[in-house]
Amino acid sequence: MPRVKRGVLSLKKRRTLMKAVKGYRGARSRRISCAQEAFHHAQHYAYRDRRTKKRDIRSLWIVRINAAARSCGISYSRLMDGLKKANIDINRKMLADMAVADMEGFAALVKTIQ
């Protein structure tokens, strides 16, 4: 069996890893084994938190809508139920934006429901 020299590939692999962990602290940016472990954890957290971010943003929208709705004298659940019954199809993102930027429009929307 012929001899296989893999030095070039191994070095390339390590070089790309060390570029990826450039800003990490301590041994995580210098030692290969520590860097590998830190990089794998970082990738895992990034994957997980891309999904968590969507939940967090939705809950923020709900908090904003609820605060605006209560200032208009209605609860969040009654507001959403009223929107559904009135066949007003508006998503939570737009409602939250209205609650922050256009309070008069939001109040008019609440009046149409009541």
C-alpha atoms as a PDB file:
ATOM      1  CA  MET A   1       0.000   0.000   0.000  1.00  0.00           C
ATOM      2  CA  PRO A   2       1.428   3.440  -0.891  1.00  0.00           C
ATOM      3  CA  ARG A   3       2.301   5.957   1.754  1.00  0.00           C
ATOM      4  CA  VAL A   4      -0.182   8.823   2.171  1.00  0.00           C
ATOM      5  CA  LYS A   5       1.008  12.220   3.374  1.00  0.00           C
ATOM      6  CA  ARG A   6      -1.813  14.293   4.861  1.00  0.00           C
ATOM      7  CA  GLY A   7       0.132  17.219   6.277  1.00  0.00           C
ATOM      8  CA  VAL A   8      -1.319  19.777   3.902  1.00  0.00           C
ATOM      9  CA  LEU A   9      -4.937  18.815   4.576  1.00  0.00           C
ATOM     10  CA  SER A  10      -4.455  18.720   8.344  1.00  0.00           C
ATOM     11  CA  LEU A  11      -2.819  22.134   8.328  1.00  0.00           C
ATOM     12  CA  LYS A  12      -5.614  23.565   6.199  1.00  0.00           C
ATOM     13  CA  LYS A  13      -8.211  22.157   8.604  1.00  0.00           C
ATOM     14  CA  ARG A  14      -6.423  23.654  11.595  1.00  0.00           C
ATOM     15  CA  ARG A  15      -5.931  26.996   9.856  1.00  0.00           C
ATOM     16  CA  THR A  16      -9.641  27.343   9.111  1.00  0.00           C
ATOM     17  CA  LEU A  17     -10.464  26.385  12.712  1.00  0.00           C
ATOM     18  CA  MET A  18      -8.043  28.940  14.126  1.00  0.00           C
ATOM     19  CA  LYS A  19      -9.503  31.641  11.854  1.00  0.00           C
ATOM     20  CA  ALA A  20     -12.981  30.796  13.177  1.00  0.00           C
ATOM     21  CA  VAL A  21     -11.960  31.065  16.843  1.00  0.00           C
ATOM     22  CA  LYS A  22      -9.824  34.177  16.408  1.00  0.00           C
ATOM     23  CA  GLY A  23     -11.651  36.370  18.951  1.00  0.00           C
ATOM     24  CA  TYR A  24     -12.085  33.751  21.671  1.00  0.00           C
ATOM     25  CA  ARG A  25     -10.367  34.224  25.049  1.00  0.00           C
ATOM     26  CA  GLY A  26      -7.363  32.348  26.394  1.00  0.00           C
ATOM     27  CA  ALA A  27      -6.540  28.832  25.254  1.00  0.00           C
ATOM     28  CA  ARG A  28      -9.749  28.688  23.224  1.00  0.00           C
ATOM     29  CA  SER A  29      -8.077  30.823  20.571  1.00  0.00           C
ATOM     30  CA  ARG A  30      -4.620  29.186  20.768  1.00  0.00           C
ATOM     31  CA  ARG A  31      -4.821  25.446  21.455  1.00  0.00           C
ATOM     32  CA  ILE A  32      -6.279  23.177  18.788  1.00  0.00           C
ATOM     33  CA  SER A  33      -8.171  20.837  21.148  1.00  0.00           C
ATOM     34  CA  CYS A  34      -9.660  23.684  23.232  1.00  0.00           C
ATOM     35  CA  ALA A  35     -10.464  25.638  20.082  1.00  0.00           C
ATOM     36  CA  GLN A  36     -12.247  22.662  18.532  1.00  0.00           C
ATOM     37  CA  GLU A  37     -14.437  22.160  21.571  1.00  0.00           C
ATOM     38  CA  ALA A  38     -15.217  25.872  21.874  1.00  0.00           C
ATOM     39  CA  PHE A  39     -16.066  26.069  18.172  1.00  0.00           C
ATOM     40  CA  HIS A  40     -18.435  23.084  18.331  1.00  0.00           C
ATOM     41  CA  HIS A  41     -20.203  24.544  21.358  1.00  0.00           C
ATOM     42  CA  ALA A  42     -20.490  27.929  19.646  1.00  0.00           C
ATOM     43  CA  GLN A  43     -22.017  26.337  16.537  1.00  0.00           C
ATOM     44  CA  HIS A  44     -24.494  24.410  18.664  1.00  0.00           C
ATOM     45  CA  TYR A  45     -25.547  27.536  20.569  1.00  0.00           C
ATOM     46  CA  ALA A  46     -25.918  29.509  17.331  1.00  0.00           C
ATOM     47  CA  TYR A  47     -28.180  26.809  15.835  1.00  0.00           C
ATOM     48  CA  ARG A  48     -30.277  26.560  18.990  1.00  0.00           C
ATOM     49  CA  ASP A  49     -30.625  30.294  19.514  1.00  0.00           C
ATOM     50  CA  ARG A  50     -31.732  30.980  15.954  1.00  0.00           C
ATOM     51  CA  ARG A  51     -34.878  29.097  16.925  1.00  0.00           C
ATOM     52  CA  THR A  52     -35.155  30.639  20.403  1.00  0.00           C
ATOM     53  CA  LYS A  53     -34.915  34.129  18.882  1.00  0.00           C
ATOM     54  CA  LYS A  54     -38.215  33.612  17.053  1.00  0.00           C
ATOM     55  CA  ARG A  55     -39.966  32.740  20.333  1.00  0.00           C
ATOM     56  CA  ASP A  56     -38.463  35.730  22.125  1.00  0.00           C
ATOM     57  CA  ILE A  57     -39.522  38.171  19.414  1.00  0.00           C
ATOM     58  CA  ARG A  58     -43.084  36.816  19.371  1.00  0.00           C
ATOM     59  CA  SER A  59     -43.358  37.150  23.159  1.00  0.00           C
ATOM     60  CA  LEU A  60     -42.079  40.744  22.898  1.00  0.00           C
ATOM     61  CA  TRP A  61     -44.800  41.532  20.348  1.00  0.00           C
ATOM     62  CA  ILE A  62     -47.433  40.067  22.677  1.00  0.00           C
ATOM     63  CA  VAL A  63     -46.161  42.128  25.633  1.00  0.00           C
ATOM     64  CA  ARG A  64     -46.313  45.330  23.565  1.00  0.00           C
ATOM     65  CA  ILE A  65     -49.800  44.573  22.240  1.00  0.00           C
ATOM     66  CA  ASN A  66     -51.053  43.740  25.738  1.00  0.00           C
ATOM     67  CA  ALA A  67     -49.670  46.986  27.196  1.00  0.00           C
ATOM     68  CA  ALA A  68     -51.274  49.061  24.442  1.00  0.00           C
ATOM     69  CA  ALA A  69     -54.561  47.158  24.671  1.00  0.00           C
ATOM     70  CA  ARG A  70     -54.779  47.661  28.433  1.00  0.00           C
ATOM     71  CA  SER A  71     -54.187  51.395  27.999  1.00  0.00           C
ATOM     72  CA  CYS A  72     -57.242  51.314  25.701  1.00  0.00           C
ATOM     73  CA  GLY A  73     -59.260  49.421  28.327  1.00  0.00           C
ATOM     74  CA  ILE A  74     -59.234  45.880  26.900  1.00  0.00           C
ATOM     75  CA  SER A  75     -57.166  42.785  27.617  1.00  0.00           C
ATOM     76  CA  TYR A  76     -54.914  41.047  25.086  1.00  0.00           C
ATOM     77  CA  SER A  77     -57.078  37.929  24.858  1.00  0.00           C
ATOM     78  CA  ARG A  78     -60.277  39.933  24.305  1.00  0.00           C
ATOM     79  CA  LEU A  79     -58.511  42.011  21.661  1.00  0.00           C
ATOM     80  CA  MET A  80     -57.329  38.960  19.727  1.00  0.00           C
ATOM     81  CA  ASP A  81     -60.745  37.311  20.054  1.00  0.00           C
ATOM     82  CA  GLY A  82     -62.424  40.484  18.819  1.00  0.00           C
ATOM     83  CA  LEU A  83     -60.077  40.705  15.829  1.00  0.00           C
ATOM     84  CA  LYS A  84     -60.862  37.112  14.907  1.00  0.00           C
ATOM     85  CA  LYS A  85     -64.624  37.612  15.225  1.00  0.00           C
ATOM     86  CA  ALA A  86     -64.523  40.845  13.186  1.00  0.00           C
ATOM     87  CA  ASN A  87     -62.540  39.047  10.440  1.00  0.00           C
ATOM     88  CA  ILE A  88     -59.679  41.536  10.741  1.00  0.00           C
ATOM     89  CA  ASP A  89     -56.608  39.637   9.575  1.00  0.00           C
ATOM     90  CA  ILE A  90     -53.595  41.438  11.042  1.00  0.00           C
ATOM     91  CA  ASN A  91     -50.564  39.691  12.470  1.00  0.00           C
ATOM     92  CA  ARG A  92     -48.929  40.317  15.839  1.00  0.00           C
ATOM     93  CA  LYS A  93     -45.871  41.962  14.307  1.00  0.00           C
ATOM     94  CA  MET A  94     -47.992  44.655  12.660  1.00  0.00           C
ATOM     95  CA  LEU A  95     -50.141  45.093  15.780  1.00  0.00           C
ATOM     96  CA  ALA A  96     -47.035  45.574  17.932  1.00  0.00           C
ATOM     97  CA  ASP A  97     -45.660  48.097  15.437  1.00  0.00           C
ATOM     98  CA  MET A  98     -48.967  49.991  15.515  1.00  0.00           C
ATOM     99  CA  ALA A  99     -48.950  49.929  19.320  1.00  0.00           C
ATOM    100  CA  VAL A 100     -45.512  51.551  19.405  1.00  0.00           C
ATOM    101  CA  ALA A 101     -45.616  53.933  16.422  1.00  0.00           C
ATOM    102  CA  ASP A 102     -49.315  54.702  15.774  1.00  0.00           C
ATOM    103  CA  MET A 103     -51.293  54.660  19.021  1.00  0.00           C
ATOM    104  CA  GLU A 104     -54.255  56.537  17.483  1.00  0.00           C
ATOM    105  CA  GLY A 105     -54.624  53.883  14.790  1.00  0.00           C
ATOM    106  CA  PHE A 106     -54.380  51.150  17.407  1.00  0.00           C
ATOM    107  CA  ALA A 107     -57.061  52.846  19.518  1.00  0.00           C
ATOM    108  CA  ALA A 108     -59.306  53.121  16.422  1.00  0.00           C
ATOM    109  CA  LEU A 109     -58.796  49.395  15.798  1.00  0.00           C
ATOM    110  CA  VAL A 110     -59.828  48.645  19.389  1.00  0.00           C
ATOM    111  CA  LYS A 111     -62.943  50.831  18.982  1.00  0.00           C
ATOM    112  CA  THR A 112     -64.044  48.862  15.891  1.00  0.00           C
ATOM    113  CA  ILE A 113     -63.792  45.656  17.897  1.00  0.00           C
ATOM    114  CA  GLN A 114     -65.824  46.974  20.839  1.00  0.00           C
END
